[in-house]
PDB file of N, CA and C in Angstrom:
ATOM      1  N   MET A   1       0.601  -1.209  -0.064  1.00  0.00           N
ATOM      2  CA  MET A   1      -0.031   0.009  -0.098  1.00  0.00           C
ATOM      3  C   MET A   1       0.774   1.329  -0.082  1.00  0.00           C
ATOM      4  N   ALA A   2       0.604   2.003  -1.121  1.00  0.00           N
ATOM      5  CA  ALA A   2       1.440   3.355  -0.903  1.00  0.00           C
ATOM      6  C   ALA A   2       0.851   4.319   0.067  1.00  0.00           C
ATOM      7  N   PRO A   3       1.487   4.707   0.950  1.00  0.00           N
ATOM      8  CA  PRO A   3       1.180   5.810   2.105  1.00  0.00           C
ATOM      9  C   PRO A   3       0.122   6.838   1.714  1.00  0.00           C
ATOM     10  N   ASN A   4       0.366   7.236   0.177  1.00  0.00           N
ATOM     11  CA  ASN A   4      -0.361   8.555   0.066  1.00  0.00           C
ATOM     12  C   ASN A   4      -1.900   8.173  -0.598  1.00  0.00           C
ATOM     13  N   LYS A   5      -2.385   6.835  -0.603  1.00  0.00           N
ATOM     14  CA  LYS A   5      -3.196   6.402  -0.993  1.00  0.00           C
ATOM     15  C   LYS A   5      -4.062   5.907   0.284  1.00  0.00           C
ATOM     16  N   VAL A   6      -3.333   5.736   1.470  1.00  0.00           N
ATOM     17  CA  VAL A   6      -4.288   5.142   2.559  1.00  0.00           C
ATOM     18  C   VAL A   6      -5.066   6.542   2.903  1.00  0.00           C
ATOM     19  N   ILE A   7      -6.326   6.092   3.570  1.00  0.00           N
ATOM     20  CA  ILE A   7      -7.331   7.069   3.856  1.00  0.00           C
ATOM     21  C   ILE A   7      -7.797   6.646   5.203  1.00  0.00           C
ATOM     22  N   ARG A   8      -7.691   7.435   6.277  1.00  0.00           N
ATOM     23  CA  ARG A   8      -8.357   7.110   7.567  1.00  0.00           C
ATOM     24  C   ARG A   8      -9.325   8.032   7.931  1.00  0.00           C
ATOM     25  N   ILE A   9     -10.543   7.678   8.506  1.00  0.00           N
ATOM     26  CA  ILE A   9     -11.676   8.715   8.616  1.00  0.00           C
ATOM     27  C   ILE A   9     -11.803   8.333  10.199  1.00  0.00           C
ATOM     28  N   GLU A  10     -11.892   9.143  11.008  1.00  0.00           N
ATOM     29  CA  GLU A  10     -12.287   9.369  12.552  1.00  0.00           C
ATOM     30  C   GLU A  10     -13.683   9.581  12.542  1.00  0.00           C
ATOM     31  N   VAL A  11     -14.250   8.362  13.181  1.00  0.00           N
ATOM     32  CA  VAL A  11     -15.960   8.097  13.329  1.00  0.00           C
ATOM     33  C   VAL A  11     -16.082   8.128  14.863  1.00  0.00           C
ATOM     34  N   PRO A  12     -17.432   8.798  15.160  1.00  0.00           N
ATOM     35  CA  PRO A  12     -17.639   8.888  16.413  1.00  0.00           C
ATOM     36  C   PRO A  12     -17.979   7.491  17.408  1.00  0.00           C
ATOM     37  N   ASP A  13     -18.717   6.699  16.613  1.00  0.00           N
ATOM     38  CA  ASP A  13     -18.952   5.420  17.408  1.00  0.00           C
ATOM     39  C   ASP A  13     -18.906   4.197  16.523  1.00  0.00           C
ATOM     40  N   ALA A  14     -18.772   2.957  16.688  1.00  0.00           N
ATOM     41  CA  ALA A  14     -18.888   1.730  15.878  1.00  0.00           C
ATOM     42  C   ALA A  14     -20.131   2.018  15.014  1.00  0.00           C
ATOM     43  N   GLN A  15     -21.154   2.095  15.567  1.00  0.00           N
ATOM     44  CA  GLN A  15     -22.389   1.978  14.441  1.00  0.00           C
ATOM     45  C   GLN A  15     -22.218   2.780  13.591  1.00  0.00           C
ATOM     46  N   ARG A  16     -22.020   3.983  13.757  1.00  0.00           N
ATOM     47  CA  ARG A  16     -21.893   5.023  12.397  1.00  0.00           C
ATOM     48  C   ARG A  16     -20.415   4.679  11.885  1.00  0.00           C
ATOM     49  N   GLY A  17     -19.543   4.123  12.333  1.00  0.00           N
ATOM     50  CA  GLY A  17     -18.288   3.677  11.566  1.00  0.00           C
ATOM     51  C   GLY A  17     -18.685   2.517  10.443  1.00  0.00           C
ATOM     52  N   ALA A  18     -19.466   1.563  11.195  1.00  0.00           N
ATOM     53  CA  ALA A  18     -20.006   0.458  10.372  1.00  0.00           C
ATOM     54  C   ALA A  18     -20.620   1.122   8.985  1.00  0.00           C
ATOM     55  N   GLN A  19     -21.367   2.046   9.252  1.00  0.00           N
ATOM     56  CA  GLN A  19     -22.348   2.508   8.233  1.00  0.00           C
ATOM     57  C   GLN A  19     -21.417   2.915   7.077  1.00  0.00           C
ATOM     58  N   LEU A  20     -20.358   4.008   7.518  1.00  0.00           N
ATOM     59  CA  LEU A  20     -19.396   4.551   6.702  1.00  0.00           C
ATOM     60  C   LEU A  20     -18.758   3.365   5.882  1.00  0.00           C
ATOM     61  N   GLU A  21     -18.319   2.193   6.682  1.00  0.00           N
ATOM     62  CA  GLU A  21     -17.413   1.227   6.050  1.00  0.00           C
ATOM     63  C   GLU A  21     -18.219   0.610   4.871  1.00  0.00           C
ATOM     64  N   GLU A  22     -19.708   0.520   5.157  1.00  0.00           N
ATOM     65  CA  GLU A  22     -20.325   0.032   4.126  1.00  0.00           C
ATOM     66  C   GLU A  22     -20.321   0.743   2.504  1.00  0.00           C
ATOM     67  N   ARG A  23     -20.224   2.136   3.033  1.00  0.00           N
ATOM     68  CA  ARG A  23     -20.252   2.931   1.803  1.00  0.00           C
ATOM     69  C   ARG A  23     -19.053   3.016   0.980  1.00  0.00           C
ATOM     70  N   LEU A  24     -18.008   2.602   1.636  1.00  0.00           N
ATOM     71  CA  LEU A  24     -16.562   2.786   1.114  1.00  0.00           C
ATOM     72  C   LEU A  24     -16.035   1.412   0.896  1.00  0.00           C
ATOM     73  N   SER A  25     -16.035   0.898  -0.269  1.00  0.00           N
ATOM     74  CA  SER A  25     -15.621  -0.156  -0.700  1.00  0.00           C
ATOM     75  C   SER A  25     -14.336  -0.593  -0.241  1.00  0.00           C
ATOM     76  N   GLY A  26     -14.053  -1.699   0.196  1.00  0.00           N
ATOM     77  CA  GLY A  26     -12.572  -2.030   0.610  1.00  0.00           C
ATOM     78  C   GLY A  26     -12.012  -1.536   1.840  1.00  0.00           C
ATOM     79  N   SER A  27     -12.883  -0.840   2.827  1.00  0.00           N
ATOM     80  CA  SER A  27     -12.363  -0.226   4.203  1.00  0.00           C
ATOM     81  C   SER A  27     -13.006  -1.124   5.120  1.00  0.00           C
ATOM     82  N   GLU A  28     -12.244  -0.622   6.213  1.00  0.00           N
ATOM     83  CA  GLU A  28     -12.270  -1.677   7.434  1.00  0.00           C
ATOM     84  C   GLU A  28     -12.693  -0.631   8.592  1.00  0.00           C
ATOM     85  N   LEU A  29     -13.439  -1.029   9.500  1.00  0.00           N
ATOM     86  CA  LEU A  29     -13.562  -0.416  10.838  1.00  0.00           C
ATOM     87  C   LEU A  29     -12.625  -0.842  11.579  1.00  0.00           C
ATOM     88  N   THR A  30     -11.778   0.117  12.582  1.00  0.00           N
ATOM     89  CA  THR A  30     -11.146  -0.389  13.305  1.00  0.00           C
ATOM     90  C   THR A  30     -10.996   0.478  14.626  1.00  0.00           C
ATOM     91  N   GLY A  31     -10.388   0.153  15.819  1.00  0.00           N
ATOM     92  CA  GLY A  31     -10.601   0.733  17.042  1.00  0.00           C
ATOM     93  C   GLY A  31     -11.300   0.150  18.119  1.00  0.00           C
ATOM     94  N   SER A  32     -11.552   1.015  19.306  1.00  0.00           N
ATOM     95  CA  SER A  32     -12.372   0.383  20.289  1.00  0.00           C
ATOM     96  C   SER A  32     -12.796   1.704  21.102  1.00  0.00           C
ATOM     97  N   ASP A  33     -13.906   1.572  21.939  1.00  0.00           N
ATOM     98  CA  ASP A  33     -14.487   2.738  22.684  1.00  0.00           C
ATOM     99  C   ASP A  33     -13.549   3.440  23.540  1.00  0.00           C
ATOM    100  N   PRO A  34     -12.742   2.922  24.030  1.00  0.00           N
ATOM    101  CA  PRO A  34     -11.745   3.862  24.732  1.00  0.00           C
ATOM    102  C   PRO A  34     -10.474   4.580  24.086  1.00  0.00           C
ATOM    103  N   GLU A  35     -10.433   3.879  22.842  1.00  0.00           N
ATOM    104  CA  GLU A  35      -9.415   4.495  21.995  1.00  0.00           C
ATOM    105  C   GLU A  35      -9.914   5.114  20.923  1.00  0.00           C
ATOM    106  N   GLY A  36     -10.933   5.214  20.597  1.00  0.00           N
ATOM    107  CA  GLY A  36     -11.689   5.741  19.338  1.00  0.00           C
ATOM    108  C   GLY A  36     -11.814   4.809  18.253  1.00  0.00           C
ATOM    109  N   TRP A  37     -12.754   5.458  17.264  1.00  0.00           N
ATOM    110  CA  TRP A  37     -13.033   4.541  16.129  1.00  0.00           C
ATOM    111  C   TRP A  37     -12.494   5.118  14.571  1.00  0.00           C
ATOM    112  N   ALA A  38     -12.353   4.445  13.885  1.00  0.00           N
ATOM    113  CA  ALA A  38     -11.906   4.984  12.580  1.00  0.00           C
ATOM    114  C   ALA A  38     -11.975   3.928  11.575  1.00  0.00           C
ATOM    115  N   VAL A  39     -12.354   4.486  10.283  1.00  0.00           N
ATOM    116  CA  VAL A  39     -12.793   3.418   9.085  1.00  0.00           C
ATOM    117  C   VAL A  39     -11.318   3.952   8.281  1.00  0.00           C
ATOM    118  N   VAL A  40     -10.683   2.562   8.204  1.00  0.00           N
ATOM    119  CA  VAL A  40      -9.501   2.592   7.168  1.00  0.00           C
ATOM    120  C   VAL A  40      -9.584   1.744   5.825  1.00  0.00           C
ATOM    121  N   GLY A  41      -9.051   2.593   4.633  1.00  0.00           N
ATOM    122  CA  GLY A  41      -9.100   1.855   3.285  1.00  0.00           C
ATOM    123  C   GLY A  41      -8.089   2.622   2.532  1.00  0.00           C
ATOM    124  N   MET A  42      -8.407   2.500   1.195  1.00  0.00           N
ATOM    125  CA  MET A  42      -7.721   3.028   0.134  1.00  0.00           C
ATOM    126  C   MET A  42      -8.565   3.848  -0.845  1.00  0.00           C
ATOM    127  N   ALA A  43      -8.156   5.240  -1.181  1.00  0.00           N
ATOM    128  CA  ALA A  43      -8.644   6.199  -1.841  1.00  0.00           C
ATOM    129  C   ALA A  43      -8.906   5.489  -3.364  1.00  0.00           C
ATOM    130  N   ASP A  44      -8.030   4.468  -3.636  1.00  0.00           N
ATOM    131  CA  ASP A  44      -7.490   4.301  -4.937  1.00  0.00           C
ATOM    132  C   ASP A  44      -7.854   4.822  -6.325  1.00  0.00           C
ATOM    133  N   GLY A  45      -6.901   5.785  -5.999  1.00  0.00           N
ATOM    134  CA  GLY A  45      -6.826   6.846  -7.169  1.00  0.00           C
ATOM    135  C   GLY A  45      -8.159   7.900  -7.479  1.00  0.00           C
ATOM    136  N   ASN A  46      -9.062   7.787  -6.368  1.00  0.00           N
ATOM    137  CA  ASN A  46     -10.254   8.641  -6.816  1.00  0.00           C
ATOM    138  C   ASN A  46     -10.620   9.397  -5.665  1.00  0.00           C
ATOM    139  N   LEU A  47      -9.723  10.085  -4.833  1.00  0.00           N
ATOM    140  CA  LEU A  47      -9.736  10.514  -3.570  1.00  0.00           C
ATOM    141  C   LEU A  47     -11.159  11.428  -3.733  1.00  0.00           C
ATOM    142  N   SER A  48     -11.534  12.363  -4.621  1.00  0.00           N
ATOM    143  CA  SER A  48     -12.461  13.339  -4.508  1.00  0.00           C
ATOM    144  C   SER A  48     -13.662  12.395  -4.462  1.00  0.00           C
ATOM    145  N   GLN A  49     -13.938  11.198  -4.914  1.00  0.00           N
ATOM    146  CA  GLN A  49     -15.190  10.517  -4.923  1.00  0.00           C
ATOM    147  C   GLN A  49     -15.490   9.866  -3.438  1.00  0.00           C
ATOM    148  N   ALA A  50     -14.164   9.458  -2.885  1.00  0.00           N
ATOM    149  CA  ALA A  50     -13.959   9.090  -1.359  1.00  0.00           C
ATOM    150  C   ALA A  50     -14.380  10.009  -0.774  1.00  0.00           C
ATOM    151  N   LEU A  51     -14.225  11.470  -0.703  1.00  0.00           N
ATOM    152  CA  LEU A  51     -14.371  12.620  -0.091  1.00  0.00           C
ATOM    153  C   LEU A  51     -15.895  12.789  -0.253  1.00  0.00           C
ATOM    154  N   GLY A  52     -16.589  12.686  -1.467  1.00  0.00           N
ATOM    155  CA  GLY A  52     -18.104  13.005  -1.502  1.00  0.00           C
ATOM    156  C   GLY A  52     -18.628  12.391  -0.836  1.00  0.00           C
ATOM    157  N   THR A  53     -17.945  10.702  -0.888  1.00  0.00           N
ATOM    158  CA  THR A  53     -19.131   9.707   0.151  1.00  0.00           C
ATOM    159  C   THR A  53     -18.875   9.963   1.422  1.00  0.00           C
ATOM    160  N   ILE A  54     -17.848  10.347   1.933  1.00  0.00           N
ATOM    161  CA  ILE A  54     -17.832  10.752   3.423  1.00  0.00           C
ATOM    162  C   ILE A  54     -18.627  12.220   3.496  1.00  0.00           C
ATOM    163  N   ARG A  55     -18.569  13.172   2.828  1.00  0.00           N
ATOM    164  CA  ARG A  55     -19.424  14.233   3.067  1.00  0.00           C
ATOM    165  C   ARG A  55     -20.938  13.874   3.138  1.00  0.00           C
ATOM    166  N   GLN A  56     -21.353  13.050   2.181  1.00  0.00           N
ATOM    167  CA  GLN A  56     -22.522  12.529   2.122  1.00  0.00           C
ATOM    168  C   GLN A  56     -23.092  11.810   3.463  1.00  0.00           C
ATOM    169  N   TRP A  57     -22.054  11.170   3.904  1.00  0.00           N
ATOM    170  CA  TRP A  57     -22.238  10.332   5.150  1.00  0.00           C
ATOM    171  C   TRP A  57     -22.354  11.275   6.357  1.00  0.00           C
ATOM    172  N   LEU A  58     -21.543  12.475   6.341  1.00  0.00           N
ATOM    173  CA  LEU A  58     -21.611  13.303   7.519  1.00  0.00           C
ATOM    174  C   LEU A  58     -23.120  14.102   7.289  1.00  0.00           C
ATOM    175  N   ARG A  59     -23.627  14.120   6.318  1.00  0.00           N
ATOM    176  CA  ARG A  59     -25.041  14.899   6.167  1.00  0.00           C
ATOM    177  C   ARG A  59     -26.001  13.825   6.697  1.00  0.00           C
ATOM    178  N   ASP A  60     -25.813  12.730   6.138  1.00  0.00           N
ATOM    179  CA  ASP A  60     -27.053  11.600   6.429  1.00  0.00           C
ATOM    180  C   ASP A  60     -26.994  11.349   7.834  1.00  0.00           C
ATOM    181  N   GLU A  61     -25.676  11.389   8.638  1.00  0.00           N
ATOM    182  CA  GLU A  61     -25.700  11.356   9.852  1.00  0.00           C
ATOM    183  C   GLU A  61     -25.890  12.383  10.948  1.00  0.00           C
ATOM    184  N   ALA A  62     -25.779  13.409  10.346  1.00  0.00           N
ATOM    185  CA  ALA A  62     -25.837  14.648  11.220  1.00  0.00           C
ATOM    186  C   ALA A  62     -24.729  15.006  11.923  1.00  0.00           C
ATOM    187  N   ILE A  63     -23.737  14.654  11.387  1.00  0.00           N
ATOM    188  CA  ILE A  63     -22.293  14.730  12.026  1.00  0.00           C
ATOM    189  C   ILE A  63     -21.651  16.213  11.474  1.00  0.00           C
ATOM    190  N   ASP A  64     -21.318  16.965  12.247  1.00  0.00           N
ATOM    191  CA  ASP A  64     -20.695  18.363  11.697  1.00  0.00           C
ATOM    192  C   ASP A  64     -19.573  18.420  11.150  1.00  0.00           C
ATOM    193  N   HIS A  65     -18.752  17.579  11.334  1.00  0.00           N
ATOM    194  CA  HIS A  65     -17.031  17.494  10.981  1.00  0.00           C
ATOM    195  C   HIS A  65     -16.688  16.239  11.401  1.00  0.00           C
ATOM    196  N   THR A  66     -15.545  15.840  10.592  1.00  0.00           N
ATOM    197  CA  THR A  66     -14.517  14.611  10.734  1.00  0.00           C
ATOM    198  C   THR A  66     -13.309  14.894  10.420  1.00  0.00           C
ATOM    199  N   VAL A  67     -12.313  14.072  11.077  1.00  0.00           N
ATOM    200  CA  VAL A  67     -10.869  14.388  10.663  1.00  0.00           C
ATOM    201  C   VAL A  67     -10.909  13.298   9.560  1.00  0.00           C
ATOM    202  N   VAL A  68     -10.200  13.654   8.490  1.00  0.00           N
ATOM    203  CA  VAL A  68      -9.606  12.640   7.548  1.00  0.00           C
ATOM    204  C   VAL A  68      -8.232  12.559   7.408  1.00  0.00           C
ATOM    205  N   HIS A  69      -7.789  11.518   7.336  1.00  0.00           N
ATOM    206  CA  HIS A  69      -6.264  11.550   7.267  1.00  0.00           C
ATOM    207  C   HIS A  69      -5.780  10.910   5.810  1.00  0.00           C
ATOM    208  N   VAL A  70      -5.274  11.545   4.906  1.00  0.00           N
ATOM    209  CA  VAL A  70      -4.641  11.095   3.965  1.00  0.00           C
ATOM    210  C   VAL A  70      -3.340  11.229   3.709  1.00  0.00           C
ATOM    211  N   GLY A  71      -2.775   9.904   3.738  1.00  0.00           N
ATOM    212  CA  GLY A  71      -1.274   9.774   3.521  1.00  0.00           C
ATOM    213  C   GLY A  71      -0.581  10.479   4.869  1.00  0.00           C
ATOM    214  N   GLY A  72      -1.417   9.956   5.928  1.00  0.00           N
ATOM    215  CA  GLY A  72      -0.853  10.403   7.132  1.00  0.00           C
ATOM    216  C   GLY A  72      -0.968  11.715   7.517  1.00  0.00           C
ATOM    217  N   ARG A  73      -1.654  12.660   6.761  1.00  0.00           N
ATOM    218  CA  ARG A  73      -1.854  14.270   7.210  1.00  0.00           C
ATOM    219  C   ARG A  73      -3.403  14.137   7.388  1.00  0.00           C
ATOM    220  N   PRO A  74      -3.836  15.015   8.190  1.00  0.00           N
ATOM    221  CA  PRO A  74      -5.011  15.213   8.813  1.00  0.00           C
ATOM    222  C   PRO A  74      -5.688  16.225   8.096  1.00  0.00           C
ATOM    223  N   HIS A  75      -6.993  16.367   7.788  1.00  0.00           N
ATOM    224  CA  HIS A  75      -7.786  17.319   7.135  1.00  0.00           C
ATOM    225  C   HIS A  75      -9.014  17.348   7.465  1.00  0.00           C
ATOM    226  N   THR A  76      -9.644  18.360   8.071  1.00  0.00           N
ATOM    227  CA  THR A  76     -11.107  18.404   8.622  1.00  0.00           C
ATOM    228  C   THR A  76     -11.786  18.492   7.614  1.00  0.00           C
ATOM    229  N   LEU A  77     -12.771  17.695   7.408  1.00  0.00           N
ATOM    230  CA  LEU A  77     -13.842  17.538   6.456  1.00  0.00           C
ATOM    231  C   LEU A  77     -15.090  17.997   7.257  1.00  0.00           C
ATOM    232  N   THR A  78     -15.851  18.936   6.703  1.00  0.00           N
ATOM    233  CA  THR A  78     -17.286  19.063   6.985  1.00  0.00           C
ATOM    234  C   THR A  78     -18.306  18.918   6.036  1.00  0.00           C
ATOM    235  N   ARG A  79     -19.614  18.688   6.762  1.00  0.00           N
ATOM    236  CA  ARG A  79     -20.617  18.156   6.054  1.00  0.00           C
ATOM    237  C   ARG A  79     -21.061  19.109   4.849  1.00  0.00           C
ATOM    238  N   ASP A  80     -20.894  20.457   4.897  1.00  0.00           N
ATOM    239  CA  ASP A  80     -21.396  21.400   4.074  1.00  0.00           C
ATOM    240  C   ASP A  80     -20.296  21.656   3.141  1.00  0.00           C
TER     241      ASP A  80
END
């Protein structure tokens, strides 16, 4: 895996993380309640599509924002 293609999305809980995992093909929910949860996967060369999917998930779940790590760099993504 090339590090610049790895995408990790911080999620508020396992249930909403599982919902995002279903939307992003090839992704995996990781973490635990005390440590926090994240969905990890590959952008597969289409980062803009992945970000659009995450933004739609934020809207659907009424979450204001999340932190998306792309290639190890954090970026705040808002639903609007």
